[in-house]
Protein backbone atom coordinates (compact mmCIF):
# COMPACT_ATOMS: atom_id res chain seq x y z
CA MET A 1 7.55 28.46 21.23
CA ASN A 2 4.12 29.08 19.75
CA ASN A 3 1.24 29.39 22.24
CA ASP A 4 -1.27 27.84 19.84
CA PRO A 5 -2.21 24.47 21.42
CA SER A 6 -2.85 22.83 18.03
CA ILE A 7 0.69 23.63 16.83
CA ASP A 8 2.16 22.43 20.14
CA ASP A 9 0.09 19.24 19.93
CA LEU A 10 1.25 18.63 16.38
CA GLU A 11 4.90 19.19 17.35
CA ASP A 12 4.49 16.72 20.26
CA LEU A 13 2.85 14.16 17.97
CA ILE A 14 5.64 14.45 15.40
CA GLN A 15 8.21 14.02 18.16
CA GLN A 16 6.41 10.91 19.47
CA VAL A 17 6.42 9.34 16.00
CA LEU A 18 10.09 10.18 15.45
CA GLU A 19 11.08 8.77 18.85
CA ALA A 20 8.95 5.63 18.56
CA ASP A 21 10.92 2.42 18.92
CA THR A 22 9.24 0.84 15.91
CA GLU A 23 9.17 0.93 12.14
CA ASN A 24 5.81 -0.84 12.04
CA LEU A 25 3.41 1.32 10.03
CA HIS A 26 0.38 0.10 12.01
CA GLU A 27 2.02 1.13 15.31
CA LEU A 28 3.22 4.48 13.93
CA ALA A 29 -0.24 5.21 12.53
CA LYS A 30 -1.76 4.36 15.92
CA ILE A 31 0.63 6.78 17.68
CA ALA A 32 -0.39 9.46 15.18
CA GLY A 33 -4.08 8.68 15.66
CA LEU A 34 -4.44 7.43 12.09
CA ASP A 35 -6.33 4.41 10.80
CA LEU A 36 -4.82 2.41 7.91
CA SER A 37 -8.29 1.36 6.82
CA GLN A 38 -9.24 4.99 6.16
CA ASP A 39 -6.56 7.64 6.45
CA PHE A 40 -4.13 6.69 3.67
CA ALA A 41 -6.60 6.81 0.77
CA GLY A 42 -5.39 9.35 -1.76
CA ALA A 43 -2.04 9.82 -0.01
CA ASN A 44 1.30 10.28 -1.76
CA LEU A 45 3.46 7.34 -0.67
CA SER A 46 5.62 7.23 -3.78
CA SER A 47 9.06 5.67 -3.28
CA THR A 48 8.11 4.61 0.25
CA ASN A 49 9.68 1.47 1.73
CA LEU A 50 6.84 -0.73 2.99
CA THR A 51 8.72 -4.01 2.69
CA GLY A 52 7.19 -6.89 4.61
CA LEU A 53 4.57 -4.79 6.39
CA ASP A 54 1.18 -6.10 7.46
CA LEU A 55 -1.15 -3.87 5.45
CA HIS A 56 -4.14 -6.21 5.18
CA HIS A 57 -7.46 -4.39 4.85
CA ALA A 58 -5.64 -1.07 4.31
CA ASN A 59 -7.38 1.53 2.17
CA PHE A 60 -4.97 2.79 -0.48
CA GLN A 61 -7.70 3.80 -2.92
CA GLU A 62 -6.33 6.44 -5.33
CA THR A 63 -3.00 6.42 -3.44
CA ASN A 64 0.26 7.17 -5.21
CA LEU A 65 2.48 4.15 -4.49
CA SER A 66 4.61 4.52 -7.61
CA HIS A 67 8.16 3.26 -7.11
CA ALA A 68 7.19 2.02 -3.61
CA ASP A 69 8.76 -1.14 -2.21
CA LEU A 70 5.90 -3.40 -1.16
CA SER A 71 7.82 -6.65 -1.53
CA HIS A 72 6.74 -9.36 0.91
CA ALA A 73 3.96 -7.05 2.21
CA ASP A 74 0.59 -8.45 3.26
CA LEU A 75 -1.94 -6.49 1.21
CA SER A 76 -4.65 -9.12 1.45
CA HIS A 77 -8.14 -7.62 1.26
CA ALA A 78 -6.60 -4.15 0.72
CA ASN A 79 -8.37 -1.55 -1.38
CA LEU A 80 -5.90 -0.49 -4.08
CA SER A 81 -8.50 0.57 -6.63
CA HIS A 82 -7.37 3.44 -8.84
CA ALA A 83 -3.97 3.39 -7.08
CA ASP A 84 -0.76 4.29 -8.90
CA LEU A 85 1.50 1.27 -8.44
CA SER A 86 3.61 1.94 -11.51
CA HIS A 87 7.20 0.78 -11.08
CA ALA A 88 6.31 -0.57 -7.60
CA ASP A 89 8.00 -3.70 -6.25
CA LEU A 90 5.23 -6.13 -5.32
CA SER A 91 7.39 -9.24 -5.48
CA HIS A 92 6.22 -11.95 -3.10
CA ALA A 93 3.40 -9.67 -1.89
CA ASN A 94 0.17 -11.17 -0.63
CA LEU A 95 -2.51 -9.51 -2.75
CA SER A 96 -5.15 -12.16 -2.15
CA HIS A 97 -8.66 -10.71 -2.38
CA ALA A 98 -7.21 -7.22 -2.92
CA ASP A 99 -9.14 -4.74 -5.04
CA LEU A 100 -6.74 -3.64 -7.79
CA SER A 101 -9.48 -2.51 -10.17
CA HIS A 102 -8.39 0.40 -12.35
CA ALA A 103 -4.94 0.37 -10.68
CA ASP A 104 -1.86 1.36 -12.66
CA LEU A 105 0.54 -1.57 -12.35
CA SER A 106 2.59 -0.64 -15.40
CA HIS A 107 6.24 -1.64 -15.07
CA ALA A 108 5.50 -3.12 -11.61
CA ASN A 109 7.49 -6.08 -10.33
CA LEU A 110 4.94 -8.80 -9.65
CA GLU A 111 7.27 -11.78 -9.25
CA HIS A 112 5.67 -14.56 -7.21
CA PRO A 113 2.72 -12.57 -5.81
CA ASN A 114 -0.37 -14.19 -4.33
CA LEU A 115 -3.19 -12.87 -6.52
CA LYS A 116 -5.84 -15.43 -5.51
CA GLY A 117 -9.24 -13.76 -5.58
CA ALA A 118 -7.74 -10.36 -6.47
CA ASN A 119 -9.84 -8.01 -8.59
CA LEU A 120 -7.79 -6.75 -11.54
CA THR A 121 -10.71 -5.36 -13.55
CA ASP A 122 -9.40 -2.66 -15.91
CA ALA A 123 -5.97 -2.66 -14.23
CA ASN A 124 -3.06 -1.47 -16.36
CA LEU A 125 -0.50 -4.29 -16.46
CA LYS A 126 1.54 -2.90 -19.37
CA ASP A 127 5.15 -4.06 -19.09
CA ALA A 128 4.53 -5.50 -15.60
CA ASN A 129 6.71 -8.44 -14.60
CA LEU A 130 4.23 -11.22 -13.82
CA LYS A 131 6.56 -14.10 -13.05
CA GLU A 132 4.94 -17.15 -11.45
CA PRO A 133 1.94 -15.55 -9.77
CA LEU A 134 -0.52 -17.57 -7.72
CA VAL A 135 -3.69 -16.75 -9.59
CA ASN A 136 -7.43 -17.11 -9.54
CA VAL A 137 -8.31 -13.48 -10.11
CA VAL A 138 -11.49 -11.58 -10.81
CA GLY A 139 -11.71 -9.44 -13.93
CA THR A 140 -9.22 -11.34 -16.08
CA ASP A 141 -9.31 -14.30 -18.40
CA ALA A 142 -6.74 -16.13 -16.21
């Protein structure tokens, strides 16, 4: 085993996360000493399953969430500006008051989302499935 304490600490931390009796991202982030409101900005979370998670106020600015499953997730008040959400499943997601400005939502599944108060200024919605959204959004003519 390596005598470098930082490597040993990292190995212990990884083991704690792997052995945690939870799939809750907030709890796993806490174990890892991460903060959802700061530490996931710019991350690559493509194809990640985040179904039904409580991600309100999370900072996913410039994060790659392409092909991610965010169905039924609570993303209220989240910062998703400049995020890549192309081909993401956002069906039934709570995006109320979320910042989706400049986000790539092309080909995203947006069936029945809550978009009340969401900022979609300059968002790319090309070929997105917008079936029955709850709307009152900023930055659109809706």
